[in-house]
Amino acid sequence: MRNIVFNQGFNRVEHRQIISLERAKLNRLLDEERRFTETLIARVRREIEAGAQMMPSFEIVWNKIQNHAVMQNVRRRIDCLTDAYPQFLQQVSAVRVRLREKAKTFVEAARSAIQQANSLSRYATSAAALVVN
């Protein structure tokens, strides 16, 4: 029985095995990107809630995260995989959209907590002024 050469000198079984290995590598890289993004978002959220950082727009926060050296390295490796295997592009796009939405939710929650605390402190200050007068 002869092996039929399929793609770039590999038979179908070998090709599927290669795709499976590359998909596993991609999943590890996407998990690394997710964990690192969540770590940076948690740090930014703590800084915002502690008042150590002004309330930046989400786009500024997101751009800082995306421009982090470690994040750029991981994203570059993922992009190389999607260049070599375009069938992974849809999965990568979906994961990145979910990451962005989750990050936006976290930043907006921190922003609303700060705004609520500020409005409560203004209310308490104005109520205290009424009591004193």
N, C-alpha and C. Protein backbone atom coordinates (compact mmCIF):
# COMPACT_ATOMS: atom_id res chain seq x y z
N MET A 1 0.84 -1.19 0.00
CA MET A 1 0.00 0.00 0.00
C MET A 1 0.88 1.24 0.00
N ARG A 2 0.49 2.21 -0.78
CA ARG A 2 1.25 3.44 -0.93
C ARG A 2 0.66 4.55 -0.09
N ASN A 3 1.53 5.38 0.51
CA ASN A 3 1.06 6.60 1.17
C ASN A 3 0.84 7.66 0.11
N ILE A 4 -0.24 8.34 0.20
CA ILE A 4 -0.53 9.40 -0.74
C ILE A 4 0.03 10.71 -0.18
N VAL A 5 0.86 11.36 -0.95
CA VAL A 5 1.43 12.64 -0.53
C VAL A 5 0.34 13.68 -0.62
N PHE A 6 0.14 14.41 0.48
CA PHE A 6 -1.00 15.33 0.56
C PHE A 6 -0.57 16.78 0.48
N ASN A 7 0.16 17.25 1.46
CA ASN A 7 0.44 18.68 1.55
C ASN A 7 1.88 18.85 1.98
N GLN A 8 2.68 19.50 1.17
CA GLN A 8 4.07 19.79 1.48
C GLN A 8 4.84 18.52 1.84
N GLY A 9 4.55 17.44 1.18
CA GLY A 9 5.26 16.19 1.40
C GLY A 9 4.73 15.34 2.55
N PHE A 10 3.69 15.78 3.24
CA PHE A 10 3.12 15.02 4.36
C PHE A 10 1.87 14.30 3.89
N ASN A 11 1.63 13.12 4.46
CA ASN A 11 0.37 12.47 4.18
C ASN A 11 -0.70 13.06 5.09
N ARG A 12 -1.92 12.68 4.91
CA ARG A 12 -3.04 13.28 5.65
C ARG A 12 -2.91 13.10 7.16
N VAL A 13 -2.51 11.94 7.60
CA VAL A 13 -2.38 11.68 9.04
C VAL A 13 -1.31 12.58 9.65
N GLU A 14 -0.17 12.67 8.99
CA GLU A 14 0.89 13.54 9.49
C GLU A 14 0.44 14.99 9.51
N HIS A 15 -0.27 15.37 8.47
CA HIS A 15 -0.75 16.76 8.39
C HIS A 15 -1.71 17.06 9.55
N ARG A 16 -2.62 16.14 9.83
CA ARG A 16 -3.55 16.35 10.95
C ARG A 16 -2.81 16.41 12.27
N GLN A 17 -1.79 15.60 12.43
CA GLN A 17 -1.00 15.62 13.66
C GLN A 17 -0.28 16.95 13.83
N ILE A 18 0.25 17.47 12.76
CA ILE A 18 0.93 18.77 12.81
C ILE A 18 -0.06 19.86 13.17
N ILE A 19 -1.22 19.85 12.55
CA ILE A 19 -2.25 20.84 12.85
C ILE A 19 -2.67 20.73 14.31
N SER A 20 -2.81 19.52 14.81
CA SER A 20 -3.20 19.32 16.20
C SER A 20 -2.14 19.88 17.15
N LEU A 21 -0.88 19.64 16.86
CA LEU A 21 0.20 20.17 17.70
C LEU A 21 0.23 21.70 17.67
N GLU A 22 0.04 22.26 16.49
CA GLU A 22 0.04 23.72 16.38
C GLU A 22 -1.17 24.33 17.09
N ARG A 23 -2.31 23.65 17.03
CA ARG A 23 -3.50 24.14 17.74
C ARG A 23 -3.26 24.11 19.25
N ALA A 24 -2.59 23.08 19.74
CA ALA A 24 -2.27 23.00 21.17
C ALA A 24 -1.32 24.14 21.56
N LYS A 25 -0.35 24.42 20.70
CA LYS A 25 0.56 25.54 20.96
C LYS A 25 -0.20 26.86 20.99
N LEU A 26 -1.11 27.01 20.03
CA LEU A 26 -1.92 28.23 19.98
C LEU A 26 -2.76 28.38 21.25
N ASN A 27 -3.38 27.30 21.70
CA ASN A 27 -4.20 27.36 22.91
C ASN A 27 -3.36 27.75 24.12
N ARG A 28 -2.14 27.24 24.22
CA ARG A 28 -1.25 27.63 25.32
C ARG A 28 -0.91 29.11 25.25
N LEU A 29 -0.62 29.60 24.05
CA LEU A 29 -0.30 31.02 23.88
C LEU A 29 -1.50 31.91 24.18
N LEU A 30 -2.68 31.51 23.73
CA LEU A 30 -3.88 32.29 24.02
C LEU A 30 -4.17 32.31 25.52
N ASP A 31 -3.92 31.20 26.19
CA ASP A 31 -4.10 31.16 27.64
C ASP A 31 -3.09 32.08 28.33
N GLU A 32 -1.88 32.09 27.82
CA GLU A 32 -0.86 32.99 28.38
C GLU A 32 -1.27 34.46 28.18
N GLU A 33 -1.78 34.78 26.99
CA GLU A 33 -2.24 36.14 26.72
C GLU A 33 -3.40 36.51 27.64
N ARG A 34 -4.33 35.58 27.83
CA ARG A 34 -5.47 35.83 28.71
C ARG A 34 -5.02 36.07 30.15
N ARG A 35 -4.17 35.21 30.65
CA ARG A 35 -3.71 35.36 32.05
C ARG A 35 -2.95 36.65 32.25
N PHE A 36 -2.09 37.00 31.31
CA PHE A 36 -1.32 38.22 31.44
C PHE A 36 -2.21 39.45 31.36
N THR A 37 -3.18 39.43 30.45
CA THR A 37 -4.12 40.55 30.33
C THR A 37 -4.92 40.70 31.62
N GLU A 38 -5.41 39.60 32.16
CA GLU A 38 -6.20 39.67 33.41
C GLU A 38 -5.35 40.19 34.56
N THR A 39 -4.08 39.81 34.61
CA THR A 39 -3.19 40.30 35.67
C THR A 39 -3.01 41.81 35.55
N LEU A 40 -2.77 42.29 34.34
CA LEU A 40 -2.58 43.74 34.15
C LEU A 40 -3.86 44.52 34.43
N ILE A 41 -4.99 43.97 34.01
CA ILE A 41 -6.27 44.64 34.27
C ILE A 41 -6.54 44.70 35.77
N ALA A 42 -6.27 43.63 36.48
CA ALA A 42 -6.48 43.62 37.94
C ALA A 42 -5.59 44.66 38.61
N ARG A 43 -4.36 44.78 38.14
CA ARG A 43 -3.46 45.79 38.71
C ARG A 43 -3.98 47.21 38.44
N VAL A 44 -4.41 47.46 37.22
CA VAL A 44 -4.95 48.78 36.88
C VAL A 44 -6.20 49.08 37.71
N ARG A 45 -7.05 48.07 37.86
CA ARG A 45 -8.28 48.26 38.64
C ARG A 45 -7.96 48.59 40.10
N ARG A 46 -6.99 47.88 40.69
CA ARG A 46 -6.61 48.18 42.07
C ARG A 46 -6.05 49.59 42.19
N GLU A 47 -5.27 50.02 41.21
CA GLU A 47 -4.71 51.37 41.23
C GLU A 47 -5.80 52.42 41.12
N ILE A 48 -6.77 52.16 40.28
CA ILE A 48 -7.88 53.11 40.12
C ILE A 48 -8.69 53.18 41.41
N GLU A 49 -9.01 52.01 41.98
CA GLU A 49 -9.83 51.98 43.19
C GLU A 49 -9.09 52.57 44.39
N ALA A 50 -7.76 52.45 44.40
CA ALA A 50 -6.98 53.01 45.50
C ALA A 50 -6.78 54.51 45.32
N GLY A 51 -7.13 55.02 44.17
CA GLY A 51 -6.98 56.44 43.90
C GLY A 51 -5.58 56.82 43.50
N ALA A 52 -4.72 55.83 43.28
CA ALA A 52 -3.34 56.10 42.89
C ALA A 52 -3.25 56.51 41.43
N GLN A 53 -4.25 56.20 40.68
CA GLN A 53 -4.22 56.51 39.27
C GLN A 53 -5.50 57.25 38.90
N MET A 54 -5.35 58.23 38.03
CA MET A 54 -6.53 58.94 37.53
C MET A 54 -7.40 57.96 36.77
N MET A 55 -8.62 58.35 36.51
CA MET A 55 -9.53 57.48 35.77
C MET A 55 -9.30 57.67 34.27
N PRO A 56 -8.40 56.88 33.68
CA PRO A 56 -8.16 57.01 32.24
C PRO A 56 -9.29 56.36 31.46
N SER A 57 -9.37 56.74 30.20
CA SER A 57 -10.37 56.08 29.36
C SER A 57 -9.94 54.64 29.13
N PHE A 58 -10.89 53.82 28.80
CA PHE A 58 -10.58 52.41 28.58
C PHE A 58 -9.58 52.24 27.45
N GLU A 59 -9.69 53.05 26.41
CA GLU A 59 -8.78 52.92 25.26
C GLU A 59 -7.33 53.14 25.67
N ILE A 60 -7.09 54.09 26.56
CA ILE A 60 -5.73 54.34 27.04
C ILE A 60 -5.22 53.13 27.81
N VAL A 61 -6.04 52.61 28.70
CA VAL A 61 -5.65 51.43 29.48
C VAL A 61 -5.38 50.25 28.55
N TRP A 62 -6.26 50.02 27.60
CA TRP A 62 -6.12 48.88 26.70
C TRP A 62 -4.85 49.01 25.85
N ASN A 63 -4.57 50.23 25.37
CA ASN A 63 -3.37 50.43 24.57
C ASN A 63 -2.11 50.19 25.39
N LYS A 64 -2.11 50.61 26.66
CA LYS A 64 -0.95 50.35 27.52
C LYS A 64 -0.74 48.85 27.70
N ILE A 65 -1.83 48.12 27.88
CA ILE A 65 -1.72 46.67 28.05
C ILE A 65 -1.20 46.03 26.77
N GLN A 66 -1.74 46.42 25.64
CA GLN A 66 -1.32 45.84 24.37
C GLN A 66 0.12 46.19 24.02
N ASN A 67 0.62 47.33 24.51
CA ASN A 67 1.98 47.75 24.21
C ASN A 67 3.00 47.27 25.22
N HIS A 68 2.57 46.51 26.22
CA HIS A 68 3.49 45.94 27.19
C HIS A 68 4.42 44.97 26.45
N ALA A 69 5.70 44.96 26.80
CA ALA A 69 6.70 44.16 26.07
C ALA A 69 6.36 42.67 26.08
N VAL A 70 5.97 42.14 27.21
CA VAL A 70 5.63 40.72 27.30
C VAL A 70 4.41 40.41 26.44
N MET A 71 3.42 41.29 26.51
CA MET A 71 2.20 41.08 25.74
C MET A 71 2.50 41.13 24.23
N GLN A 72 3.34 42.06 23.83
CA GLN A 72 3.68 42.13 22.41
C GLN A 72 4.38 40.86 21.94
N ASN A 73 5.24 40.31 22.78
CA ASN A 73 5.93 39.07 22.42
C ASN A 73 4.93 37.92 22.23
N VAL A 74 4.01 37.78 23.16
CA VAL A 74 3.01 36.71 23.06
C VAL A 74 2.13 36.92 21.83
N ARG A 75 1.69 38.14 21.62
CA ARG A 75 0.83 38.42 20.47
C ARG A 75 1.56 38.16 19.15
N ARG A 76 2.86 38.49 19.10
CA ARG A 76 3.65 38.25 17.91
C ARG A 76 3.73 36.75 17.60
N ARG A 77 3.92 35.94 18.64
CA ARG A 77 3.99 34.49 18.45
C ARG A 77 2.65 33.94 17.97
N ILE A 78 1.56 34.48 18.52
CA ILE A 78 0.23 34.05 18.07
C ILE A 78 0.00 34.47 16.62
N ASP A 79 0.40 35.68 16.29
CA ASP A 79 0.22 36.16 14.92
C ASP A 79 1.03 35.33 13.91
N CYS A 80 2.21 34.87 14.32
CA CYS A 80 3.00 33.99 13.43
C CYS A 80 2.26 32.68 13.17
N LEU A 81 1.62 32.15 14.21
CA LEU A 81 0.84 30.92 14.03
C LEU A 81 -0.35 31.15 13.11
N THR A 82 -1.03 32.27 13.28
CA THR A 82 -2.19 32.53 12.42
C THR A 82 -1.76 32.83 10.99
N ASP A 83 -0.56 33.36 10.82
CA ASP A 83 -0.05 33.55 9.45
C ASP A 83 0.21 32.20 8.79
N ALA A 84 0.76 31.28 9.55
CA ALA A 84 1.07 29.95 8.99
C ALA A 84 -0.18 29.10 8.84
N TYR A 85 -1.14 29.28 9.75
CA TYR A 85 -2.37 28.47 9.75
C TYR A 85 -3.58 29.41 9.83
N PRO A 86 -4.05 29.89 8.70
CA PRO A 86 -5.15 30.86 8.69
C PRO A 86 -6.44 30.32 9.30
N GLN A 87 -6.59 29.01 9.40
CA GLN A 87 -7.81 28.45 9.99
C GLN A 87 -7.90 28.78 11.49
N PHE A 88 -6.82 29.22 12.11
CA PHE A 88 -6.83 29.59 13.53
C PHE A 88 -7.27 31.03 13.76
N LEU A 89 -7.31 31.82 12.70
CA LEU A 89 -7.57 33.25 12.84
C LEU A 89 -8.91 33.56 13.50
N GLN A 90 -9.94 32.83 13.17
CA GLN A 90 -11.27 33.08 13.74
C GLN A 90 -11.26 32.81 15.25
N GLN A 91 -10.61 31.75 15.67
CA GLN A 91 -10.51 31.44 17.09
C GLN A 91 -9.75 32.54 17.84
N VAL A 92 -8.65 32.99 17.27
CA VAL A 92 -7.84 34.04 17.90
C VAL A 92 -8.64 35.33 18.01
N SER A 93 -9.33 35.68 16.95
CA SER A 93 -10.14 36.91 16.97
C SER A 93 -11.22 36.85 18.04
N ALA A 94 -11.89 35.71 18.15
CA ALA A 94 -12.95 35.56 19.15
C ALA A 94 -12.40 35.67 20.57
N VAL A 95 -11.27 35.05 20.83
CA VAL A 95 -10.67 35.12 22.16
C VAL A 95 -10.26 36.55 22.49
N ARG A 96 -9.69 37.24 21.53
CA ARG A 96 -9.24 38.63 21.77
C ARG A 96 -10.42 39.57 21.98
N VAL A 97 -11.52 39.35 21.28
CA VAL A 97 -12.71 40.17 21.50
C VAL A 97 -13.26 39.94 22.91
N ARG A 98 -13.31 38.68 23.34
CA ARG A 98 -13.78 38.39 24.71
C ARG A 98 -12.86 39.00 25.76
N LEU A 99 -11.55 38.95 25.52
CA LEU A 99 -10.61 39.57 26.46
C LEU A 99 -10.84 41.07 26.56
N ARG A 100 -11.03 41.70 25.43
CA ARG A 100 -11.25 43.15 25.42
C ARG A 100 -12.54 43.51 26.15
N GLU A 101 -13.61 42.74 25.91
CA GLU A 101 -14.88 43.02 26.58
C GLU A 101 -14.77 42.82 28.09
N LYS A 102 -14.07 41.76 28.49
CA LYS A 102 -13.89 41.51 29.92
C LYS A 102 -13.06 42.62 30.56
N ALA A 103 -12.02 43.04 29.89
CA ALA A 103 -11.17 44.12 30.41
C ALA A 103 -11.98 45.42 30.53
N LYS A 104 -12.80 45.69 29.53
CA LYS A 104 -13.61 46.90 29.57
C LYS A 104 -14.59 46.85 30.74
N THR A 105 -15.17 45.69 30.99
CA THR A 105 -16.08 45.53 32.12
C THR A 105 -15.37 45.82 33.44
N PHE A 106 -14.16 45.28 33.60
CA PHE A 106 -13.41 45.50 34.83
C PHE A 106 -13.06 46.97 35.04
N VAL A 107 -12.59 47.62 33.98
CA VAL A 107 -12.20 49.03 34.10
C VAL A 107 -13.42 49.90 34.37
N GLU A 108 -14.52 49.62 33.68
CA GLU A 108 -15.73 50.40 33.91
C GLU A 108 -16.29 50.18 35.31
N ALA A 109 -16.16 48.97 35.84
CA ALA A 109 -16.61 48.70 37.21
C ALA A 109 -15.79 49.50 38.21
N ALA A 110 -14.49 49.57 37.99
CA ALA A 110 -13.63 50.36 38.88
C ALA A 110 -13.99 51.85 38.77
N ARG A 111 -14.22 52.30 37.55
CA ARG A 111 -14.56 53.70 37.34
C ARG A 111 -15.89 54.04 38.02
N SER A 112 -16.88 53.18 37.89
CA SER A 112 -18.18 53.46 38.50
C SER A 112 -18.09 53.39 40.02
N ALA A 113 -17.25 52.51 40.57
CA ALA A 113 -17.07 52.45 42.02
C ALA A 113 -16.46 53.75 42.54
N ILE A 114 -15.49 54.28 41.82
CA ILE A 114 -14.86 55.55 42.21
C ILE A 114 -15.88 56.69 42.11
N GLN A 115 -16.63 56.72 41.03
CA GLN A 115 -17.63 57.79 40.87
C GLN A 115 -18.70 57.70 41.94
N GLN A 116 -19.11 56.50 42.29
CA GLN A 116 -20.11 56.34 43.34
C GLN A 116 -19.54 56.78 44.69
N ALA A 117 -18.30 56.43 44.97
CA ALA A 117 -17.67 56.85 46.22
C ALA A 117 -17.53 58.37 46.27
N ASN A 118 -17.18 58.98 45.15
CA ASN A 118 -17.06 60.44 45.11
C ASN A 118 -18.41 61.12 45.33
N SER A 119 -19.44 60.57 44.71
CA SER A 119 -20.76 61.20 44.88
C SER A 119 -21.25 61.03 46.32
N LEU A 120 -20.96 59.88 46.94
CA LEU A 120 -21.35 59.68 48.33
C LEU A 120 -20.59 60.62 49.25
N SER A 121 -19.32 60.84 48.97
CA SER A 121 -18.54 61.75 49.82
C SER A 121 -19.01 63.19 49.63
N ARG A 122 -19.39 63.57 48.42
CA ARG A 122 -19.93 64.92 48.20
C ARG A 122 -21.25 65.08 48.94
N TYR A 123 -22.08 64.04 48.90
CA TYR A 123 -23.37 64.09 49.59
C TYR A 123 -23.14 64.20 51.10
N ALA A 124 -22.19 63.41 51.62
CA ALA A 124 -21.91 63.45 53.05
C ALA A 124 -21.35 64.81 53.45
N THR A 125 -20.53 65.42 52.61
CA THR A 125 -19.96 66.73 52.91
C THR A 125 -21.06 67.79 52.91
N SER A 126 -21.96 67.74 51.93
CA SER A 126 -23.04 68.73 51.88
C SER A 126 -24.02 68.51 53.02
N ALA A 127 -24.28 67.28 53.41
CA ALA A 127 -25.17 67.00 54.54
C ALA A 127 -24.55 67.47 55.83
N ALA A 128 -23.23 67.29 55.97
CA ALA A 128 -22.54 67.75 57.18
C ALA A 128 -22.56 69.26 57.24
N ALA A 129 -22.45 69.94 56.12
CA ALA A 129 -22.48 71.41 56.09
C ALA A 129 -23.86 71.90 56.52
N LEU A 130 -24.92 71.20 56.14
CA LEU A 130 -26.26 71.58 56.53
C LEU A 130 -26.46 71.42 58.05
N VAL A 131 -25.90 70.36 58.60
CA VAL A 131 -26.03 70.11 60.04
C VAL A 131 -25.30 71.17 60.83
N VAL A 132 -24.11 71.57 60.37
CA VAL A 132 -23.31 72.57 61.08
C VAL A 132 -24.02 73.92 61.04
N ASN A 133 -24.61 74.27 59.93
CA ASN A 133 -25.29 75.57 59.82
C ASN A 133 -26.56 75.49 60.59
